[in-house]
N, C-alpha and C. Protein backbone atom coordinates (compact mmCIF):
# COMPACT_ATOMS: atom_id res chain seq x y z
N MET A 1 0.85 -1.19 0.00
CA MET A 1 0.00 0.00 0.00
C MET A 1 0.88 1.24 0.00
N LYS A 2 0.37 2.33 -0.57
CA LYS A 2 1.16 3.56 -0.68
C LYS A 2 1.21 4.31 0.64
N TYR A 3 0.05 4.42 1.31
CA TYR A 3 -0.03 5.15 2.58
C TYR A 3 -0.63 4.23 3.64
N SER A 4 0.20 3.81 4.58
CA SER A 4 -0.30 2.92 5.62
C SER A 4 -1.01 3.68 6.74
N TYR A 5 -0.66 4.97 6.92
CA TYR A 5 -1.31 5.81 7.92
C TYR A 5 -2.21 6.82 7.23
N LEU A 6 -3.46 6.89 7.68
CA LEU A 6 -4.43 7.82 7.11
C LEU A 6 -4.97 8.70 8.23
N LEU A 7 -4.79 10.01 8.07
CA LEU A 7 -5.26 10.98 9.06
C LEU A 7 -6.48 11.70 8.50
N PHE A 8 -7.65 11.38 9.02
CA PHE A 8 -8.90 11.93 8.53
C PHE A 8 -9.40 13.08 9.40
N ASP A 9 -9.75 14.18 8.76
CA ASP A 9 -10.58 15.17 9.43
C ASP A 9 -11.95 14.53 9.68
N ALA A 10 -12.71 15.06 10.63
CA ALA A 10 -14.01 14.47 10.96
C ALA A 10 -15.18 15.20 10.32
N ASP A 11 -15.41 16.46 10.74
CA ASP A 11 -16.59 17.18 10.27
C ASP A 11 -16.46 17.59 8.82
N ASP A 12 -17.49 17.29 8.04
CA ASP A 12 -17.57 17.59 6.61
C ASP A 12 -16.61 16.75 5.78
N THR A 13 -15.96 15.78 6.43
CA THR A 13 -15.16 14.79 5.71
C THR A 13 -15.76 13.41 5.92
N LEU A 14 -16.06 13.10 7.17
CA LEU A 14 -16.74 11.85 7.52
C LEU A 14 -18.16 12.10 8.01
N PHE A 15 -18.32 13.15 8.84
CA PHE A 15 -19.62 13.48 9.42
C PHE A 15 -20.30 14.61 8.67
N ASP A 16 -21.62 14.53 8.57
CA ASP A 16 -22.43 15.62 8.03
C ASP A 16 -22.63 16.64 9.15
N PHE A 17 -21.70 17.59 9.25
CA PHE A 17 -21.77 18.55 10.35
C PHE A 17 -22.96 19.51 10.22
N PRO A 18 -23.27 20.05 9.03
CA PRO A 18 -24.43 20.95 8.95
C PRO A 18 -25.73 20.33 9.46
N LYS A 19 -25.92 19.05 9.16
CA LYS A 19 -27.13 18.37 9.63
C LYS A 19 -27.12 18.25 11.15
N ALA A 20 -25.98 17.85 11.71
CA ALA A 20 -25.87 17.72 13.16
C ALA A 20 -26.03 19.06 13.85
N SER A 21 -25.43 20.10 13.26
CA SER A 21 -25.49 21.42 13.86
C SER A 21 -26.90 21.98 13.85
N SER A 22 -27.61 21.82 12.74
CA SER A 22 -28.96 22.37 12.64
C SER A 22 -29.90 21.69 13.63
N ARG A 23 -29.73 20.39 13.84
CA ARG A 23 -30.59 19.68 14.78
C ARG A 23 -30.24 20.03 16.23
N ALA A 24 -28.95 20.24 16.49
CA ALA A 24 -28.55 20.67 17.83
C ALA A 24 -29.06 22.07 18.11
N PHE A 25 -29.03 22.92 17.10
CA PHE A 25 -29.54 24.29 17.26
C PHE A 25 -31.04 24.27 17.52
N GLU A 26 -31.75 23.39 16.87
CA GLU A 26 -33.19 23.27 17.11
C GLU A 26 -33.46 22.87 18.57
N THR A 27 -32.67 21.92 19.08
CA THR A 27 -32.81 21.51 20.47
C THR A 27 -32.53 22.67 21.41
N LEU A 28 -31.49 23.43 21.11
CA LEU A 28 -31.15 24.62 21.90
C LEU A 28 -32.32 25.60 21.94
N CYS A 29 -32.89 25.87 20.79
CA CYS A 29 -33.99 26.84 20.72
C CYS A 29 -35.21 26.37 21.51
N LYS A 30 -35.53 25.10 21.40
CA LYS A 30 -36.68 24.57 22.14
C LYS A 30 -36.44 24.63 23.65
N THR A 31 -35.21 24.32 24.05
CA THR A 31 -34.89 24.29 25.48
C THR A 31 -34.94 25.68 26.10
N HIS A 32 -34.45 26.67 25.38
CA HIS A 32 -34.34 28.02 25.94
C HIS A 32 -35.36 29.00 25.35
N LYS A 33 -36.36 28.45 24.66
CA LYS A 33 -37.45 29.27 24.13
C LYS A 33 -36.91 30.43 23.27
N ILE A 34 -36.11 30.05 22.29
CA ILE A 34 -35.54 30.97 21.31
C ILE A 34 -36.23 30.71 19.98
N PRO A 35 -36.60 31.73 19.24
CA PRO A 35 -37.26 31.50 17.95
C PRO A 35 -36.42 30.61 17.04
N TYR A 36 -37.01 29.51 16.60
CA TYR A 36 -36.30 28.61 15.69
C TYR A 36 -36.82 28.84 14.28
N THR A 37 -36.09 29.62 13.52
CA THR A 37 -36.47 29.97 12.15
C THR A 37 -35.24 29.88 11.25
N PRO A 38 -35.45 29.83 9.95
CA PRO A 38 -34.28 29.85 9.04
C PRO A 38 -33.41 31.08 9.26
N GLU A 39 -34.05 32.20 9.59
CA GLU A 39 -33.30 33.44 9.79
C GLU A 39 -32.45 33.35 11.06
N SER A 40 -33.01 32.80 12.14
CA SER A 40 -32.24 32.71 13.39
C SER A 40 -31.08 31.73 13.23
N TYR A 41 -31.30 30.64 12.51
CA TYR A 41 -30.19 29.69 12.31
C TYR A 41 -29.12 30.29 11.41
N ARG A 42 -29.53 31.02 10.39
CA ARG A 42 -28.56 31.67 9.50
C ARG A 42 -27.72 32.68 10.28
N LEU A 43 -28.34 33.42 11.16
CA LEU A 43 -27.61 34.38 11.99
C LEU A 43 -26.60 33.66 12.87
N TYR A 44 -27.04 32.61 13.55
CA TYR A 44 -26.13 31.86 14.41
C TYR A 44 -24.98 31.28 13.59
N HIS A 45 -25.30 30.72 12.42
CA HIS A 45 -24.30 30.08 11.57
C HIS A 45 -23.24 31.09 11.12
N GLU A 46 -23.67 32.28 10.75
CA GLU A 46 -22.72 33.31 10.30
C GLU A 46 -21.79 33.74 11.44
N ILE A 47 -22.37 33.92 12.63
CA ILE A 47 -21.56 34.30 13.79
C ILE A 47 -20.57 33.18 14.13
N ASN A 48 -21.06 31.96 14.10
CA ASN A 48 -20.23 30.81 14.42
C ASN A 48 -19.05 30.67 13.44
N LEU A 49 -19.34 30.80 12.15
CA LEU A 49 -18.29 30.68 11.14
C LEU A 49 -17.23 31.76 11.31
N GLU A 50 -17.68 32.98 11.59
CA GLU A 50 -16.74 34.08 11.76
C GLU A 50 -15.79 33.82 12.93
N LEU A 51 -16.33 33.32 14.02
CA LEU A 51 -15.51 33.08 15.20
C LEU A 51 -14.57 31.89 15.00
N TRP A 52 -15.04 30.83 14.34
CA TRP A 52 -14.16 29.68 14.10
C TRP A 52 -13.05 30.06 13.12
N ALA A 53 -13.34 30.94 12.18
CA ALA A 53 -12.29 31.41 11.28
C ALA A 53 -11.20 32.15 12.05
N ALA A 54 -11.62 32.93 13.05
CA ALA A 54 -10.65 33.62 13.90
C ALA A 54 -9.83 32.61 14.71
N PHE A 55 -10.48 31.54 15.14
CA PHE A 55 -9.75 30.48 15.86
C PHE A 55 -8.72 29.83 14.94
N ASP A 56 -9.12 29.52 13.71
CA ASP A 56 -8.20 28.90 12.76
C ASP A 56 -6.98 29.79 12.49
N ARG A 57 -7.18 31.11 12.59
CA ARG A 57 -6.07 32.04 12.38
C ARG A 57 -5.24 32.23 13.65
N GLY A 58 -5.64 31.57 14.72
CA GLY A 58 -4.91 31.67 15.97
C GLY A 58 -5.18 32.93 16.76
N GLU A 59 -6.30 33.60 16.47
CA GLU A 59 -6.59 34.88 17.11
C GLU A 59 -7.36 34.74 18.42
N VAL A 60 -8.11 33.66 18.58
CA VAL A 60 -8.92 33.46 19.78
C VAL A 60 -8.83 31.99 20.19
N THR A 61 -9.27 31.71 21.42
CA THR A 61 -9.27 30.33 21.91
C THR A 61 -10.60 29.65 21.59
N LYS A 62 -10.58 28.34 21.69
CA LYS A 62 -11.81 27.58 21.47
C LYS A 62 -12.87 27.93 22.51
N GLU A 63 -12.43 28.13 23.74
CA GLU A 63 -13.36 28.49 24.81
C GLU A 63 -14.03 29.83 24.52
N PHE A 64 -13.26 30.75 23.96
CA PHE A 64 -13.83 32.05 23.59
C PHE A 64 -14.89 31.87 22.50
N VAL A 65 -14.59 31.06 21.51
CA VAL A 65 -15.53 30.84 20.40
C VAL A 65 -16.86 30.28 20.91
N THR A 66 -16.78 29.21 21.71
CA THR A 66 -18.02 28.53 22.11
C THR A 66 -18.88 29.36 23.04
N HIS A 67 -18.29 30.32 23.73
CA HIS A 67 -19.08 31.22 24.59
C HIS A 67 -19.52 32.47 23.83
N GLU A 68 -18.60 33.07 23.12
CA GLU A 68 -18.87 34.35 22.47
C GLU A 68 -19.93 34.23 21.37
N ARG A 69 -20.00 33.08 20.72
CA ARG A 69 -21.01 32.95 19.66
C ARG A 69 -22.42 33.14 20.20
N TYR A 70 -22.66 32.70 21.44
CA TYR A 70 -23.99 32.88 22.02
C TYR A 70 -24.18 34.29 22.58
N VAL A 71 -23.11 34.89 23.06
CA VAL A 71 -23.19 36.28 23.49
C VAL A 71 -23.64 37.15 22.33
N ARG A 72 -23.01 36.97 21.18
CA ARG A 72 -23.34 37.79 20.00
C ARG A 72 -24.71 37.44 19.43
N PHE A 73 -25.02 36.16 19.41
CA PHE A 73 -26.31 35.71 18.87
C PHE A 73 -27.46 36.24 19.71
N LEU A 74 -27.37 36.10 21.02
CA LEU A 74 -28.45 36.55 21.91
C LEU A 74 -28.58 38.07 21.90
N ARG A 75 -27.43 38.75 21.80
CA ARG A 75 -27.46 40.21 21.72
C ARG A 75 -28.16 40.66 20.44
N ALA A 76 -27.89 39.97 19.34
CA ALA A 76 -28.50 40.34 18.06
C ALA A 76 -30.01 40.16 18.09
N LEU A 77 -30.49 39.18 18.84
CA LEU A 77 -31.93 38.93 18.95
C LEU A 77 -32.55 39.66 20.14
N ASP A 78 -31.73 40.37 20.91
CA ASP A 78 -32.19 41.10 22.09
C ASP A 78 -32.90 40.15 23.06
N LEU A 79 -32.23 39.02 23.33
CA LEU A 79 -32.78 38.01 24.25
C LEU A 79 -31.92 37.90 25.49
N ASN A 80 -32.57 37.72 26.62
CA ASN A 80 -31.85 37.57 27.89
C ASN A 80 -31.80 36.08 28.24
N ARG A 81 -30.73 35.43 27.81
CA ARG A 81 -30.50 34.02 28.12
C ARG A 81 -29.05 33.87 28.58
N ASP A 82 -28.76 32.76 29.24
CA ASP A 82 -27.41 32.50 29.72
C ASP A 82 -26.59 31.87 28.59
N PRO A 83 -25.57 32.56 28.08
CA PRO A 83 -24.78 32.01 26.97
C PRO A 83 -24.13 30.67 27.33
N ALA A 84 -23.66 30.53 28.55
CA ALA A 84 -23.01 29.27 28.96
C ALA A 84 -24.00 28.12 28.95
N ALA A 85 -25.22 28.38 29.41
CA ALA A 85 -26.25 27.34 29.41
C ALA A 85 -26.63 26.97 27.98
N CYS A 86 -26.71 27.95 27.11
CA CYS A 86 -27.01 27.70 25.70
C CYS A 86 -25.94 26.81 25.09
N ASN A 87 -24.69 27.12 25.40
CA ASN A 87 -23.58 26.35 24.85
C ASN A 87 -23.64 24.90 25.31
N ARG A 88 -23.95 24.69 26.58
CA ARG A 88 -24.01 23.32 27.10
C ARG A 88 -25.08 22.50 26.41
N VAL A 89 -26.25 23.08 26.22
CA VAL A 89 -27.34 22.35 25.56
C VAL A 89 -26.96 22.02 24.11
N TYR A 90 -26.39 23.00 23.43
CA TYR A 90 -26.01 22.79 22.03
C TYR A 90 -24.95 21.69 21.92
N LEU A 91 -23.92 21.76 22.74
CA LEU A 91 -22.83 20.79 22.64
C LEU A 91 -23.30 19.38 23.01
N ASP A 92 -24.16 19.27 24.01
CA ASP A 92 -24.70 17.95 24.37
C ASP A 92 -25.49 17.36 23.21
N ALA A 93 -26.31 18.18 22.58
CA ALA A 93 -27.11 17.71 21.45
C ALA A 93 -26.21 17.39 20.25
N LEU A 94 -25.19 18.21 20.05
CA LEU A 94 -24.28 17.99 18.93
C LEU A 94 -23.53 16.67 19.10
N GLY A 95 -23.18 16.34 20.34
CA GLY A 95 -22.48 15.09 20.60
C GLY A 95 -23.30 13.86 20.28
N GLU A 96 -24.60 14.02 20.19
CA GLU A 96 -25.48 12.91 19.85
C GLU A 96 -25.81 12.86 18.35
N GLY A 97 -25.34 13.88 17.62
CA GLY A 97 -25.67 13.98 16.20
C GLY A 97 -24.66 13.27 15.34
N VAL A 98 -24.93 12.00 15.04
CA VAL A 98 -24.01 11.18 14.26
C VAL A 98 -24.63 10.90 12.90
N TYR A 99 -24.16 11.61 11.88
CA TYR A 99 -24.72 11.47 10.54
C TYR A 99 -23.57 11.30 9.55
N PRO A 100 -23.20 10.07 9.21
CA PRO A 100 -22.09 9.86 8.27
C PRO A 100 -22.41 10.41 6.89
N LEU A 101 -21.40 10.94 6.23
CA LEU A 101 -21.55 11.41 4.86
C LEU A 101 -21.65 10.21 3.91
N PRO A 102 -22.20 10.41 2.70
CA PRO A 102 -22.32 9.31 1.75
C PRO A 102 -21.01 8.56 1.52
N HIS A 103 -21.08 7.24 1.62
CA HIS A 103 -19.98 6.32 1.34
C HIS A 103 -18.89 6.30 2.41
N ALA A 104 -18.99 7.17 3.42
CA ALA A 104 -17.92 7.25 4.42
C ALA A 104 -17.74 5.93 5.17
N GLU A 105 -18.84 5.32 5.59
CA GLU A 105 -18.72 4.07 6.33
C GLU A 105 -18.12 2.97 5.47
N ALA A 106 -18.62 2.82 4.25
CA ALA A 106 -18.14 1.75 3.37
C ALA A 106 -16.66 1.93 3.03
N VAL A 107 -16.25 3.17 2.79
CA VAL A 107 -14.85 3.44 2.45
C VAL A 107 -13.95 3.12 3.65
N CYS A 108 -14.35 3.55 4.84
CA CYS A 108 -13.54 3.27 6.02
C CYS A 108 -13.46 1.77 6.30
N ARG A 109 -14.55 1.08 6.09
CA ARG A 109 -14.56 -0.37 6.31
C ARG A 109 -13.58 -1.06 5.35
N GLU A 110 -13.59 -0.64 4.10
CA GLU A 110 -12.70 -1.23 3.11
C GLU A 110 -11.24 -0.90 3.43
N LEU A 111 -10.98 0.34 3.83
CA LEU A 111 -9.60 0.74 4.15
C LEU A 111 -9.07 -0.07 5.34
N LYS A 112 -9.91 -0.28 6.34
CA LYS A 112 -9.47 -1.07 7.49
C LYS A 112 -9.19 -2.51 7.07
N SER A 113 -10.03 -3.06 6.21
CA SER A 113 -9.83 -4.44 5.77
C SER A 113 -8.53 -4.61 4.98
N ARG A 114 -8.07 -3.51 4.38
CA ARG A 114 -6.81 -3.54 3.64
C ARG A 114 -5.60 -3.38 4.55
N GLY A 115 -5.83 -3.06 5.81
CA GLY A 115 -4.73 -2.95 6.76
C GLY A 115 -4.23 -1.55 7.03
N HIS A 116 -4.93 -0.53 6.55
CA HIS A 116 -4.53 0.85 6.83
C HIS A 116 -4.77 1.16 8.31
N ARG A 117 -3.91 1.98 8.87
CA ARG A 117 -4.09 2.48 10.23
C ARG A 117 -4.71 3.87 10.13
N MET A 118 -5.88 4.04 10.72
CA MET A 118 -6.66 5.26 10.52
C MET A 118 -6.86 6.01 11.84
N PHE A 119 -6.74 7.34 11.74
CA PHE A 119 -6.84 8.20 12.91
C PHE A 119 -7.64 9.45 12.55
N ILE A 120 -8.28 10.03 13.56
CA ILE A 120 -9.02 11.28 13.39
C ILE A 120 -8.12 12.44 13.80
N ILE A 121 -8.10 13.49 13.00
CA ILE A 121 -7.43 14.73 13.38
C ILE A 121 -8.49 15.84 13.32
N THR A 122 -8.71 16.51 14.44
CA THR A 122 -9.82 17.46 14.48
C THR A 122 -9.57 18.61 15.44
N ASN A 123 -10.12 19.76 15.08
CA ASN A 123 -10.10 20.93 15.96
C ASN A 123 -11.38 21.06 16.77
N ALA A 124 -12.27 20.11 16.67
CA ALA A 124 -13.57 20.21 17.32
C ALA A 124 -13.45 20.12 18.83
N VAL A 125 -14.54 20.44 19.52
CA VAL A 125 -14.60 20.34 20.98
C VAL A 125 -14.44 18.87 21.37
N ALA A 126 -13.52 18.58 22.26
CA ALA A 126 -13.16 17.20 22.58
C ALA A 126 -14.34 16.38 23.08
N SER A 127 -15.12 16.93 24.01
CA SER A 127 -16.24 16.17 24.57
C SER A 127 -17.26 15.81 23.50
N VAL A 128 -17.49 16.74 22.57
CA VAL A 128 -18.44 16.49 21.48
C VAL A 128 -17.91 15.41 20.55
N GLN A 129 -16.67 15.56 20.13
CA GLN A 129 -16.14 14.64 19.14
C GLN A 129 -16.01 13.23 19.69
N ARG A 130 -15.59 13.10 20.95
CA ARG A 130 -15.47 11.76 21.51
C ARG A 130 -16.84 11.11 21.68
N SER A 131 -17.83 11.90 22.04
CA SER A 131 -19.18 11.37 22.16
C SER A 131 -19.70 10.89 20.82
N ARG A 132 -19.46 11.69 19.78
CA ARG A 132 -19.94 11.32 18.45
C ARG A 132 -19.23 10.08 17.93
N LEU A 133 -17.94 9.99 18.16
CA LEU A 133 -17.19 8.84 17.69
C LEU A 133 -17.63 7.56 18.40
N ARG A 134 -17.85 7.65 19.72
CA ARG A 134 -18.30 6.48 20.46
C ARG A 134 -19.64 5.98 19.95
N GLY A 135 -20.50 6.90 19.55
CA GLY A 135 -21.83 6.52 19.12
C GLY A 135 -21.98 6.31 17.63
N SER A 136 -20.87 6.24 16.92
CA SER A 136 -20.94 6.16 15.47
C SER A 136 -20.41 4.83 14.93
N VAL A 137 -20.68 4.59 13.67
CA VAL A 137 -20.17 3.39 13.00
C VAL A 137 -18.66 3.45 12.85
N PHE A 138 -18.07 4.64 13.03
CA PHE A 138 -16.64 4.79 12.81
C PHE A 138 -15.79 4.31 13.99
N ALA A 139 -16.41 4.05 15.13
CA ALA A 139 -15.65 3.68 16.33
C ALA A 139 -14.77 2.46 16.09
N GLU A 140 -15.23 1.53 15.28
CA GLU A 140 -14.46 0.30 15.05
C GLU A 140 -13.33 0.48 14.04
N PHE A 141 -13.34 1.60 13.31
CA PHE A 141 -12.36 1.79 12.24
C PHE A 141 -11.15 2.60 12.67
N PHE A 142 -11.33 3.52 13.61
CA PHE A 142 -10.26 4.46 13.95
C PHE A 142 -9.60 4.08 15.27
N GLN A 143 -8.28 4.10 15.25
CA GLN A 143 -7.51 3.66 16.41
C GLN A 143 -7.41 4.74 17.49
N ALA A 144 -7.49 5.99 17.07
CA ALA A 144 -7.41 7.09 18.04
C ALA A 144 -7.91 8.37 17.37
N ALA A 145 -8.24 9.35 18.21
CA ALA A 145 -8.61 10.68 17.73
C ALA A 145 -7.69 11.69 18.38
N PHE A 146 -7.04 12.51 17.57
CA PHE A 146 -6.14 13.55 18.06
C PHE A 146 -6.88 14.88 17.98
N ILE A 147 -7.24 15.40 19.14
CA ILE A 147 -8.11 16.57 19.23
C ILE A 147 -7.29 17.76 19.71
N SER A 148 -7.49 18.88 19.06
CA SER A 148 -6.60 20.03 19.26
C SER A 148 -6.51 20.47 20.72
N GLU A 149 -7.61 20.51 21.44
CA GLU A 149 -7.55 21.03 22.81
C GLU A 149 -6.77 20.09 23.73
N GLU A 150 -6.66 18.83 23.34
CA GLU A 150 -5.83 17.89 24.10
C GLU A 150 -4.38 17.92 23.62
N ALA A 151 -4.20 18.32 22.38
CA ALA A 151 -2.85 18.39 21.81
C ALA A 151 -2.11 19.65 22.22
N GLY A 152 -2.85 20.67 22.64
CA GLY A 152 -2.23 21.93 22.99
C GLY A 152 -1.91 22.79 21.78
N ALA A 153 -2.40 22.40 20.62
CA ALA A 153 -2.23 23.15 19.38
C ALA A 153 -3.33 22.70 18.43
N ALA A 154 -3.57 23.49 17.40
CA ALA A 154 -4.66 23.19 16.48
C ALA A 154 -4.17 23.23 15.04
N LYS A 155 -4.86 22.48 14.17
CA LYS A 155 -4.59 22.61 12.73
C LYS A 155 -4.88 24.05 12.33
N PRO A 156 -4.05 24.69 11.52
CA PRO A 156 -2.97 24.14 10.69
C PRO A 156 -1.58 24.29 11.28
N SER A 157 -1.46 24.49 12.57
CA SER A 157 -0.15 24.72 13.19
C SER A 157 0.75 23.48 13.06
N PRO A 158 2.02 23.67 12.71
CA PRO A 158 2.95 22.54 12.70
C PRO A 158 3.03 21.85 14.05
N ALA A 159 2.81 22.62 15.13
CA ALA A 159 2.88 22.04 16.48
C ALA A 159 1.83 20.95 16.67
N TYR A 160 0.68 21.11 16.03
CA TYR A 160 -0.37 20.09 16.13
C TYR A 160 0.12 18.78 15.51
N PHE A 161 0.71 18.88 14.32
CA PHE A 161 1.18 17.68 13.64
C PHE A 161 2.42 17.10 14.31
N ASP A 162 3.20 17.94 14.97
CA ASP A 162 4.31 17.43 15.78
C ASP A 162 3.76 16.56 16.91
N TYR A 163 2.65 16.99 17.49
CA TYR A 163 1.99 16.20 18.53
C TYR A 163 1.56 14.84 17.98
N VAL A 164 0.94 14.86 16.79
CA VAL A 164 0.50 13.60 16.18
C VAL A 164 1.70 12.69 15.92
N ARG A 165 2.78 13.26 15.43
CA ARG A 165 3.99 12.47 15.18
C ARG A 165 4.50 11.80 16.46
N ARG A 166 4.43 12.50 17.56
CA ARG A 166 4.91 11.92 18.82
C ARG A 166 4.03 10.74 19.25
N GLN A 167 2.75 10.80 18.92
CA GLN A 167 1.84 9.69 19.27
C GLN A 167 2.02 8.50 18.33
N LEU A 168 2.51 8.77 17.13
CA LEU A 168 2.66 7.73 16.11
C LEU A 168 4.11 7.71 15.61
N PRO A 169 5.03 7.19 16.40
CA PRO A 169 6.45 7.27 16.05
C PRO A 169 6.83 6.53 14.77
N GLU A 170 6.03 5.57 14.33
CA GLU A 170 6.34 4.84 13.11
C GLU A 170 5.80 5.54 11.86
N MET A 171 5.03 6.58 12.06
CA MET A 171 4.54 7.36 10.93
C MET A 171 5.66 8.24 10.38
N THR A 172 5.77 8.28 9.05
CA THR A 172 6.78 9.11 8.41
C THR A 172 6.12 10.06 7.43
N ASP A 173 6.92 10.95 6.86
CA ASP A 173 6.39 11.90 5.88
C ASP A 173 6.00 11.21 4.58
N GLU A 174 6.41 9.96 4.41
CA GLU A 174 6.13 9.24 3.17
C GLU A 174 4.99 8.23 3.30
N ASN A 175 4.73 7.74 4.52
CA ASN A 175 3.72 6.68 4.63
C ASN A 175 2.39 7.16 5.19
N VAL A 176 2.18 8.49 5.21
CA VAL A 176 0.94 9.04 5.77
C VAL A 176 0.27 9.94 4.75
N LEU A 177 -1.06 9.97 4.81
CA LEU A 177 -1.85 10.89 3.97
C LEU A 177 -2.87 11.60 4.85
N VAL A 178 -2.91 12.92 4.74
CA VAL A 178 -3.90 13.75 5.44
C VAL A 178 -5.10 13.92 4.52
N ILE A 179 -6.30 13.64 5.02
CA ILE A 179 -7.52 13.74 4.22
C ILE A 179 -8.48 14.69 4.91
N GLY A 180 -8.92 15.74 4.22
CA GLY A 180 -9.85 16.68 4.83
C GLY A 180 -10.49 17.61 3.83
N ASP A 181 -11.53 18.30 4.28
CA ASP A 181 -12.30 19.17 3.40
C ASP A 181 -11.86 20.62 3.47
N SER A 182 -11.12 21.00 4.50
CA SER A 182 -10.80 22.41 4.71
C SER A 182 -9.43 22.76 4.15
N LEU A 183 -9.41 23.74 3.25
CA LEU A 183 -8.13 24.22 2.75
C LEU A 183 -7.35 24.94 3.84
N SER A 184 -8.06 25.67 4.70
CA SER A 184 -7.39 26.52 5.69
C SER A 184 -6.82 25.74 6.87
N THR A 185 -7.40 24.59 7.19
CA THR A 185 -6.90 23.82 8.34
C THR A 185 -6.26 22.49 7.92
N ASP A 186 -6.97 21.68 7.18
CA ASP A 186 -6.46 20.35 6.81
C ASP A 186 -5.33 20.44 5.79
N ILE A 187 -5.59 21.09 4.68
CA ILE A 187 -4.60 21.13 3.59
C ILE A 187 -3.46 22.08 3.94
N GLN A 188 -3.79 23.25 4.49
CA GLN A 188 -2.73 24.14 4.93
C GLN A 188 -1.89 23.49 6.04
N GLY A 189 -2.56 22.77 6.91
CA GLY A 189 -1.84 22.07 7.98
C GLY A 189 -0.89 21.03 7.44
N ALA A 190 -1.34 20.26 6.46
CA ALA A 190 -0.47 19.26 5.83
C ALA A 190 0.71 19.94 5.14
N ASN A 191 0.44 21.06 4.47
CA ASN A 191 1.51 21.84 3.84
C ASN A 191 2.52 22.29 4.88
N ASN A 192 2.03 22.85 5.97
CA ASN A 192 2.91 23.36 7.02
C ASN A 192 3.78 22.25 7.62
N ALA A 193 3.21 21.04 7.69
CA ALA A 193 3.92 19.92 8.30
C ALA A 193 4.72 19.10 7.29
N GLY A 194 4.64 19.45 6.02
CA GLY A 194 5.36 18.72 4.99
C GLY A 194 4.81 17.33 4.73
N LEU A 195 3.47 17.18 4.87
CA LEU A 195 2.84 15.87 4.70
C LEU A 195 2.00 15.83 3.42
N PRO A 196 1.91 14.68 2.76
CA PRO A 196 1.03 14.53 1.61
C PRO A 196 -0.42 14.74 2.04
N CYS A 197 -1.24 15.27 1.11
CA CYS A 197 -2.61 15.58 1.50
C CYS A 197 -3.59 15.30 0.35
N CYS A 198 -4.81 15.02 0.77
CA CYS A 198 -5.91 14.78 -0.18
C CYS A 198 -7.06 15.70 0.22
N TRP A 199 -7.46 16.55 -0.71
CA TRP A 199 -8.54 17.50 -0.45
C TRP A 199 -9.88 16.89 -0.87
N PHE A 200 -10.78 16.69 0.09
CA PHE A 200 -12.13 16.23 -0.19
C PHE A 200 -12.96 17.45 -0.54
N ASN A 201 -13.33 17.55 -1.80
CA ASN A 201 -13.97 18.76 -2.31
C ASN A 201 -15.22 18.43 -3.12
N PRO A 202 -16.27 17.92 -2.46
CA PRO A 202 -17.47 17.51 -3.20
C PRO A 202 -18.19 18.65 -3.90
N ALA A 203 -18.02 19.88 -3.40
CA ALA A 203 -18.72 21.02 -4.00
C ALA A 203 -17.95 21.63 -5.17
N GLY A 204 -16.76 21.15 -5.44
CA GLY A 204 -15.98 21.68 -6.55
C GLY A 204 -15.50 23.11 -6.33
N LYS A 205 -15.12 23.44 -5.11
CA LYS A 205 -14.62 24.77 -4.81
C LYS A 205 -13.27 25.00 -5.49
N PRO A 206 -12.93 26.27 -5.77
CA PRO A 206 -11.64 26.54 -6.42
C PRO A 206 -10.48 26.35 -5.44
N ARG A 207 -9.35 25.97 -5.98
CA ARG A 207 -8.15 25.85 -5.15
C ARG A 207 -7.62 27.23 -4.79
N ARG A 208 -6.84 27.27 -3.73
CA ARG A 208 -6.23 28.51 -3.29
C ARG A 208 -4.80 28.59 -3.83
N GLU A 209 -4.46 29.70 -4.41
CA GLU A 209 -3.14 29.87 -5.00
C GLU A 209 -2.05 29.71 -3.95
N GLY A 210 -1.00 29.01 -4.32
CA GLY A 210 0.13 28.83 -3.43
C GLY A 210 0.00 27.68 -2.46
N LEU A 211 -1.09 26.92 -2.56
CA LEU A 211 -1.32 25.80 -1.65
C LEU A 211 -1.13 24.49 -2.40
N ARG A 212 -0.32 23.61 -1.86
CA ARG A 212 -0.09 22.30 -2.49
C ARG A 212 -1.25 21.36 -2.18
N VAL A 213 -1.85 20.81 -3.22
CA VAL A 213 -2.89 19.79 -3.08
C VAL A 213 -2.41 18.57 -3.87
N ASP A 214 -2.03 17.51 -3.18
CA ASP A 214 -1.49 16.33 -3.85
C ASP A 214 -2.58 15.54 -4.56
N TYR A 215 -3.73 15.45 -3.94
CA TYR A 215 -4.88 14.76 -4.54
C TYR A 215 -6.13 15.57 -4.25
N GLU A 216 -7.08 15.52 -5.16
CA GLU A 216 -8.37 16.17 -4.96
C GLU A 216 -9.46 15.20 -5.37
N ILE A 217 -10.43 14.98 -4.49
CA ILE A 217 -11.51 14.04 -4.77
C ILE A 217 -12.86 14.69 -4.48
N LYS A 218 -13.86 14.30 -5.23
CA LYS A 218 -15.23 14.75 -4.99
C LYS A 218 -16.07 13.67 -4.31
N ASP A 219 -15.60 12.44 -4.41
CA ASP A 219 -16.32 11.29 -3.87
C ASP A 219 -15.33 10.51 -3.00
N LEU A 220 -15.72 10.19 -1.78
CA LEU A 220 -14.81 9.49 -0.89
C LEU A 220 -14.36 8.14 -1.45
N ARG A 221 -15.17 7.54 -2.31
CA ARG A 221 -14.79 6.25 -2.87
C ARG A 221 -13.53 6.34 -3.73
N THR A 222 -13.25 7.52 -4.25
CA THR A 222 -12.05 7.70 -5.05
C THR A 222 -10.79 7.52 -4.22
N LEU A 223 -10.90 7.70 -2.92
CA LEU A 223 -9.76 7.52 -2.03
C LEU A 223 -9.20 6.10 -2.12
N LEU A 224 -10.06 5.15 -2.40
CA LEU A 224 -9.63 3.75 -2.48
C LEU A 224 -8.65 3.53 -3.64
N GLU A 225 -8.70 4.38 -4.64
CA GLU A 225 -7.79 4.26 -5.78
C GLU A 225 -6.45 4.94 -5.51
N ILE A 226 -6.40 5.78 -4.48
CA ILE A 226 -5.20 6.58 -4.20
C ILE A 226 -4.26 5.90 -3.22
N VAL A 227 -4.84 5.33 -2.17
CA VAL A 227 -4.02 4.87 -1.04
C VAL A 227 -3.55 3.43 -1.20
């Protein structure tokens, strides 16, 4: 095999995060009596994306993101609710939202049967991601999950991948492939760490100039032809 170690991003690579997020948001709204409308979810989503982008740039902490998104959201709706309580309800519901993307289970099952060693690399909230992995079909396929808040660094920082290397001493720059949907975290992270990468790009988004993309796939099944 070409790549014996496979490092998979989780959200939007294996898991349908928008579906999980929208259902968790619905639970949040029902619990705290917040209007649940397309407009309110769009507002929350825009605030959330803006803050996570700042996190990816290293400007804020994950704890700041998960609290501040509700501060801004509730302020925009002129609602008096506890942001911390909102965050807890949302994260608990998100941890139960396990929705694999098309072909993800079958591809992972085939890769494991071929003898690949597979791991999760993610910047997500640790409690949420571990809950989702435990309750998902992927639990039997992945040997470990390397989560940024436990690593002390986040993708795309080289320090994050240095952490992964320390956990996997037999992994080399030649026998590993990073697979993910995000140019700014997964692919940029692989570039920063000098690792081969595969961009999962089902929407056909344009590449970013100056960024190395070793492989680009629209369908996860294509990965079986690469590794």
